[in-house]
N, C-alpha and C. Protein backbone atom coordinates (compact mmCIF):
# COMPACT_ATOMS: atom_id res chain seq x y z
N UNK A 1 102.18 111.78 104.47
CA UNK A 1 102.58 110.38 104.38
C UNK A 1 102.97 109.93 105.78
N UNK A 2 102.42 108.81 106.21
CA UNK A 2 102.77 108.23 107.51
C UNK A 2 103.12 106.76 107.31
N UNK A 3 104.38 106.42 107.51
CA UNK A 3 104.82 105.03 107.38
C UNK A 3 104.44 104.25 108.63
N UNK A 4 103.84 103.07 108.44
CA UNK A 4 103.49 102.22 109.57
C UNK A 4 104.42 101.02 109.70
N UNK A 5 105.14 100.72 108.64
CA UNK A 5 106.06 99.58 108.62
C UNK A 5 106.97 99.72 107.42
N UNK A 6 108.24 99.36 107.56
CA UNK A 6 109.19 99.39 106.45
C UNK A 6 109.89 98.04 106.38
N UNK A 7 109.91 97.46 105.19
CA UNK A 7 110.50 96.14 104.98
C UNK A 7 111.53 96.23 103.86
N UNK A 8 112.70 95.64 104.09
CA UNK A 8 113.74 95.59 103.06
C UNK A 8 113.32 94.62 101.96
N UNK A 9 113.51 95.02 100.72
CA UNK A 9 113.26 94.16 99.55
C UNK A 9 114.63 93.78 98.97
N UNK A 10 115.05 92.56 99.22
CA UNK A 10 116.36 92.12 98.75
C UNK A 10 116.24 91.40 97.42
N UNK A 11 117.02 91.83 96.47
CA UNK A 11 117.03 91.21 95.14
C UNK A 11 117.79 89.90 95.20
N UNK A 12 117.15 88.83 94.77
CA UNK A 12 117.78 87.51 94.72
C UNK A 12 117.51 86.90 93.35
N UNK A 13 118.37 85.99 92.93
CA UNK A 13 118.17 85.33 91.64
C UNK A 13 117.05 84.30 91.70
N UNK A 14 116.90 83.66 92.87
CA UNK A 14 115.93 82.59 93.02
C UNK A 14 115.48 82.55 94.48
N UNK A 15 114.20 82.79 94.73
CA UNK A 15 113.66 82.84 96.09
C UNK A 15 113.92 81.53 96.82
N UNK A 16 113.61 80.41 96.19
CA UNK A 16 113.75 79.11 96.85
C UNK A 16 115.22 78.79 97.18
N UNK A 17 116.13 79.17 96.29
CA UNK A 17 117.55 78.92 96.54
C UNK A 17 118.07 79.78 97.68
N UNK A 18 117.54 80.98 97.84
CA UNK A 18 118.00 81.90 98.89
C UNK A 18 117.31 81.66 100.23
N UNK A 19 116.17 81.04 100.20
CA UNK A 19 115.30 80.89 101.37
C UNK A 19 115.99 80.35 102.61
N UNK A 20 116.75 79.27 102.50
CA UNK A 20 117.30 78.61 103.68
C UNK A 20 118.26 79.50 104.47
N UNK A 21 119.01 80.36 103.81
CA UNK A 21 119.90 81.27 104.54
C UNK A 21 119.08 82.16 105.48
N UNK A 22 118.00 82.72 104.97
CA UNK A 22 117.18 83.64 105.75
C UNK A 22 116.31 82.93 106.79
N UNK A 23 115.82 81.75 106.46
CA UNK A 23 114.96 81.03 107.40
C UNK A 23 115.76 80.24 108.43
N UNK A 24 116.78 79.53 107.99
CA UNK A 24 117.55 78.69 108.92
C UNK A 24 118.61 79.50 109.68
N UNK A 25 119.47 80.17 108.95
CA UNK A 25 120.57 80.89 109.59
C UNK A 25 120.10 82.15 110.34
N UNK A 26 119.29 82.98 109.69
CA UNK A 26 118.85 84.22 110.33
C UNK A 26 117.62 84.03 111.22
N UNK A 27 116.98 82.87 111.14
CA UNK A 27 115.85 82.59 112.02
C UNK A 27 114.53 83.22 111.61
N UNK A 28 114.43 83.63 110.36
CA UNK A 28 113.17 84.21 109.85
C UNK A 28 112.30 83.06 109.35
N UNK A 29 111.79 82.28 110.27
CA UNK A 29 111.18 80.99 109.96
C UNK A 29 109.75 81.06 109.42
N UNK A 30 109.03 82.12 109.71
CA UNK A 30 107.64 82.21 109.27
C UNK A 30 107.58 82.75 107.84
N UNK A 31 107.02 81.97 106.93
CA UNK A 31 106.83 82.43 105.56
C UNK A 31 105.45 83.06 105.51
N UNK A 32 105.41 84.40 105.48
CA UNK A 32 104.13 85.11 105.46
C UNK A 32 103.41 84.91 104.13
N UNK A 33 104.17 84.92 103.05
CA UNK A 33 103.63 84.62 101.73
C UNK A 33 104.78 84.28 100.80
N UNK A 34 104.46 83.59 99.73
CA UNK A 34 105.45 83.27 98.71
C UNK A 34 104.71 83.17 97.38
N UNK A 35 104.98 84.16 96.51
CA UNK A 35 104.34 84.20 95.21
C UNK A 35 105.28 83.74 94.10
N UNK A 36 106.39 83.14 94.48
CA UNK A 36 107.37 82.69 93.49
C UNK A 36 108.39 83.76 93.16
N UNK A 37 107.94 84.96 92.87
CA UNK A 37 108.84 86.07 92.54
C UNK A 37 109.11 86.97 93.74
N UNK A 38 108.28 86.85 94.78
CA UNK A 38 108.48 87.60 96.02
C UNK A 38 107.97 86.75 97.19
N UNK A 39 108.72 86.79 98.29
CA UNK A 39 108.33 86.06 99.49
C UNK A 39 108.78 86.85 100.71
N UNK A 40 107.98 86.80 101.78
CA UNK A 40 108.36 87.48 103.02
C UNK A 40 108.58 86.45 104.11
N UNK A 41 109.71 86.62 104.81
CA UNK A 41 110.08 85.74 105.92
C UNK A 41 110.24 86.58 107.18
N UNK A 42 109.69 86.06 108.30
CA UNK A 42 109.64 86.81 109.55
C UNK A 42 110.09 85.93 110.71
N UNK A 43 110.75 86.55 111.67
CA UNK A 43 111.12 85.86 112.90
C UNK A 43 109.89 85.75 113.79
N UNK A 44 109.53 84.54 114.21
CA UNK A 44 108.37 84.39 115.11
C UNK A 44 108.65 84.98 116.49
N UNK A 45 109.91 85.16 116.83
CA UNK A 45 110.27 85.67 118.15
C UNK A 45 110.36 87.19 118.21
N UNK A 46 110.89 87.81 117.16
CA UNK A 46 111.15 89.25 117.21
C UNK A 46 110.31 90.08 116.25
N UNK A 47 109.76 89.44 115.23
CA UNK A 47 109.03 90.18 114.21
C UNK A 47 109.92 90.76 113.12
N UNK A 48 111.24 90.59 113.23
CA UNK A 48 112.16 91.05 112.18
C UNK A 48 111.80 90.33 110.89
N UNK A 49 111.89 91.03 109.76
CA UNK A 49 111.51 90.39 108.50
C UNK A 49 112.27 90.96 107.32
N UNK A 50 112.13 90.24 106.20
CA UNK A 50 112.74 90.65 104.94
C UNK A 50 111.89 90.08 103.80
N UNK A 51 111.88 90.78 102.68
CA UNK A 51 111.24 90.25 101.48
C UNK A 51 112.33 89.94 100.48
N UNK A 52 112.24 88.76 99.87
CA UNK A 52 113.14 88.36 98.80
C UNK A 52 112.39 88.54 97.49
N UNK A 53 113.02 89.22 96.54
CA UNK A 53 112.37 89.56 95.28
C UNK A 53 113.28 89.19 94.12
N UNK A 54 112.74 88.44 93.14
CA UNK A 54 113.53 88.14 91.95
C UNK A 54 113.41 89.27 90.93
N UNK A 55 112.20 89.69 90.67
CA UNK A 55 111.89 90.79 89.75
C UNK A 55 110.44 91.12 89.96
N UNK A 56 110.13 92.39 90.15
CA UNK A 56 108.74 92.76 90.39
C UNK A 56 107.87 92.31 89.22
N UNK A 57 106.75 91.71 89.53
CA UNK A 57 105.88 91.13 88.50
C UNK A 57 105.12 92.16 87.68
N UNK A 58 104.97 93.39 88.17
CA UNK A 58 104.13 94.34 87.47
C UNK A 58 104.77 95.70 87.20
N UNK A 59 105.89 95.99 87.83
CA UNK A 59 106.49 97.32 87.70
C UNK A 59 107.76 97.28 86.86
N UNK A 60 108.14 98.44 86.30
CA UNK A 60 109.31 98.48 85.44
C UNK A 60 110.64 98.45 86.18
N UNK A 61 110.64 98.73 87.48
CA UNK A 61 111.86 98.71 88.29
C UNK A 61 111.56 98.00 89.60
N UNK A 62 112.62 97.60 90.29
CA UNK A 62 112.47 96.93 91.58
C UNK A 62 112.74 97.92 92.71
N UNK A 63 111.90 97.90 93.74
CA UNK A 63 112.15 98.77 94.89
C UNK A 63 113.18 98.15 95.82
N UNK A 64 113.78 98.99 96.67
CA UNK A 64 114.71 98.47 97.67
C UNK A 64 114.06 98.35 99.04
N UNK A 65 112.96 99.07 99.25
CA UNK A 65 112.18 98.92 100.47
C UNK A 65 110.70 99.03 100.13
N UNK A 66 109.88 98.42 100.98
CA UNK A 66 108.43 98.58 100.90
C UNK A 66 107.99 99.33 102.14
N UNK A 67 107.31 100.44 101.94
CA UNK A 67 106.82 101.27 103.04
C UNK A 67 105.31 101.12 103.10
N UNK A 68 104.83 100.58 104.21
CA UNK A 68 103.40 100.38 104.39
C UNK A 68 102.79 101.64 104.98
N UNK A 69 101.58 101.95 104.52
CA UNK A 69 100.85 103.12 105.01
C UNK A 69 99.36 102.82 105.00
N UNK A 70 98.63 103.48 105.86
CA UNK A 70 97.17 103.32 105.90
C UNK A 70 96.50 104.06 104.75
N UNK A 71 97.13 105.14 104.28
CA UNK A 71 96.52 106.00 103.26
C UNK A 71 97.41 106.09 102.02
N UNK A 72 97.39 105.04 101.22
CA UNK A 72 98.25 105.01 100.03
C UNK A 72 97.79 106.05 99.00
N UNK A 73 96.49 106.30 98.93
CA UNK A 73 96.00 107.31 97.98
C UNK A 73 96.50 108.71 98.37
N UNK A 74 96.46 109.00 99.66
CA UNK A 74 96.97 110.29 100.14
C UNK A 74 98.46 110.42 99.93
N UNK A 75 99.19 109.32 100.15
CA UNK A 75 100.64 109.32 99.94
C UNK A 75 100.97 109.57 98.47
N UNK A 76 100.17 108.98 97.59
CA UNK A 76 100.37 109.17 96.15
C UNK A 76 100.14 110.64 95.76
N UNK A 77 99.05 111.21 96.27
CA UNK A 77 98.76 112.62 95.98
C UNK A 77 99.87 113.52 96.51
N UNK A 78 100.36 113.24 97.70
CA UNK A 78 101.43 114.05 98.29
C UNK A 78 102.71 113.93 97.48
N UNK A 79 103.06 112.73 97.04
CA UNK A 79 104.26 112.54 96.22
C UNK A 79 104.16 113.35 94.93
N UNK A 80 102.98 113.34 94.32
CA UNK A 80 102.78 114.12 93.10
C UNK A 80 102.90 115.62 93.38
N UNK A 81 102.27 116.07 94.45
CA UNK A 81 102.33 117.50 94.81
C UNK A 81 103.77 117.96 95.03
N UNK A 82 104.58 117.09 95.62
CA UNK A 82 105.97 117.43 95.91
C UNK A 82 106.88 117.26 94.69
N UNK A 83 106.33 116.76 93.60
CA UNK A 83 107.08 116.65 92.36
C UNK A 83 108.00 115.45 92.27
N UNK A 84 107.79 114.44 93.11
CA UNK A 84 108.62 113.24 93.05
C UNK A 84 108.25 112.40 91.84
N UNK A 85 109.25 111.73 91.28
CA UNK A 85 109.02 110.88 90.11
C UNK A 85 108.25 109.62 90.52
N UNK A 86 107.13 109.39 89.86
CA UNK A 86 106.36 108.18 90.07
C UNK A 86 106.87 107.15 89.07
N UNK A 87 107.42 106.05 89.57
CA UNK A 87 108.02 105.01 88.73
C UNK A 87 106.97 104.00 88.28
N UNK A 88 106.01 103.73 89.15
CA UNK A 88 104.90 102.79 88.88
C UNK A 88 103.65 103.46 89.43
N UNK A 89 102.62 103.68 88.61
CA UNK A 89 101.45 104.44 89.05
C UNK A 89 100.65 103.72 90.14
N UNK A 90 99.84 104.48 90.84
CA UNK A 90 98.96 103.92 91.86
C UNK A 90 98.07 102.86 91.23
N UNK A 91 98.19 101.64 91.73
CA UNK A 91 97.55 100.49 91.11
C UNK A 91 97.06 99.53 92.19
N UNK A 92 95.87 98.97 91.98
CA UNK A 92 95.44 97.84 92.79
C UNK A 92 95.86 96.60 92.03
N UNK A 93 96.84 95.88 92.58
CA UNK A 93 97.43 94.74 91.89
C UNK A 93 96.51 93.52 92.00
N UNK A 94 96.64 92.58 91.05
CA UNK A 94 95.80 91.37 91.07
C UNK A 94 95.91 90.57 92.36
N UNK A 95 97.04 90.68 93.07
CA UNK A 95 97.21 89.93 94.32
C UNK A 95 96.68 90.71 95.53
N UNK A 96 96.02 91.85 95.29
CA UNK A 96 95.27 92.52 96.34
C UNK A 96 95.87 93.73 97.02
N UNK A 97 97.12 94.07 96.73
CA UNK A 97 97.70 95.27 97.36
C UNK A 97 97.41 96.48 96.49
N UNK A 98 97.36 97.64 97.12
CA UNK A 98 97.26 98.91 96.40
C UNK A 98 98.59 99.60 96.65
N UNK A 99 99.27 99.98 95.56
CA UNK A 99 100.63 100.50 95.70
C UNK A 99 101.03 101.41 94.56
N UNK A 100 102.15 102.09 94.78
CA UNK A 100 102.84 102.82 93.73
C UNK A 100 104.32 102.85 94.09
N UNK A 101 105.15 103.10 93.09
CA UNK A 101 106.59 103.23 93.32
C UNK A 101 106.97 104.69 93.10
N UNK A 102 107.78 105.22 93.99
CA UNK A 102 108.26 106.59 93.89
C UNK A 102 109.78 106.56 93.97
N UNK A 103 110.41 107.48 93.23
CA UNK A 103 111.87 107.57 93.28
C UNK A 103 112.24 108.69 94.25
N UNK A 104 113.02 108.36 95.27
CA UNK A 104 113.54 109.36 96.20
C UNK A 104 114.55 110.23 95.46
N UNK A 105 114.80 111.44 95.96
CA UNK A 105 115.77 112.31 95.28
C UNK A 105 117.15 111.69 95.11
N UNK A 106 117.51 110.70 95.94
CA UNK A 106 118.82 110.04 95.80
C UNK A 106 118.81 108.92 94.77
N UNK A 107 117.64 108.68 94.15
CA UNK A 107 117.53 107.66 93.12
C UNK A 107 116.93 106.34 93.59
N UNK A 108 116.77 106.17 94.88
CA UNK A 108 116.22 104.94 95.44
C UNK A 108 114.74 104.79 95.07
N UNK A 109 114.37 103.59 94.59
CA UNK A 109 112.97 103.31 94.26
C UNK A 109 112.31 102.67 95.48
N UNK A 110 111.17 103.25 95.88
CA UNK A 110 110.46 102.82 97.08
C UNK A 110 109.04 102.42 96.70
N UNK A 111 108.62 101.28 97.21
CA UNK A 111 107.27 100.75 97.04
C UNK A 111 106.42 101.27 98.20
N UNK A 112 105.44 102.12 97.92
CA UNK A 112 104.51 102.61 98.94
C UNK A 112 103.25 101.75 98.79
N UNK A 113 102.85 101.08 99.86
CA UNK A 113 101.85 100.01 99.73
C UNK A 113 100.87 99.99 100.89
N UNK A 114 99.66 99.55 100.56
CA UNK A 114 98.66 99.23 101.57
C UNK A 114 98.10 97.87 101.21
N UNK A 115 98.20 96.95 102.16
CA UNK A 115 97.65 95.60 101.95
C UNK A 115 96.15 95.62 102.19
N UNK A 116 95.46 94.72 101.53
CA UNK A 116 94.02 94.60 101.75
C UNK A 116 93.77 94.22 103.20
N UNK A 117 92.60 94.54 103.66
CA UNK A 117 92.25 94.24 105.07
C UNK A 117 91.97 92.78 105.26
């Protein structure tokens, strides 16, 4: 498994209600995407970013971070080989990402993801 990017997934009750704090106060002004239940905001100056999530649209639990990788299939196989609990199976989601959720030994749920090219 090789992580290429890690993004915090913050649980919020309402993306639109929370948005101004992150965009105005923290300066994460670029909205990379907004699907209503999840949105990513990034600083145009530094690249710092965060994802706001109300509830994952397809998985039974919410992750606390999203770890991007070039080889999500290999990461999935490695997680299985190591005996880690798979919370959400390897899936190509309708919005185009290929991902799975794995539970770290400390209980943290992590979204391992590869975005479409």
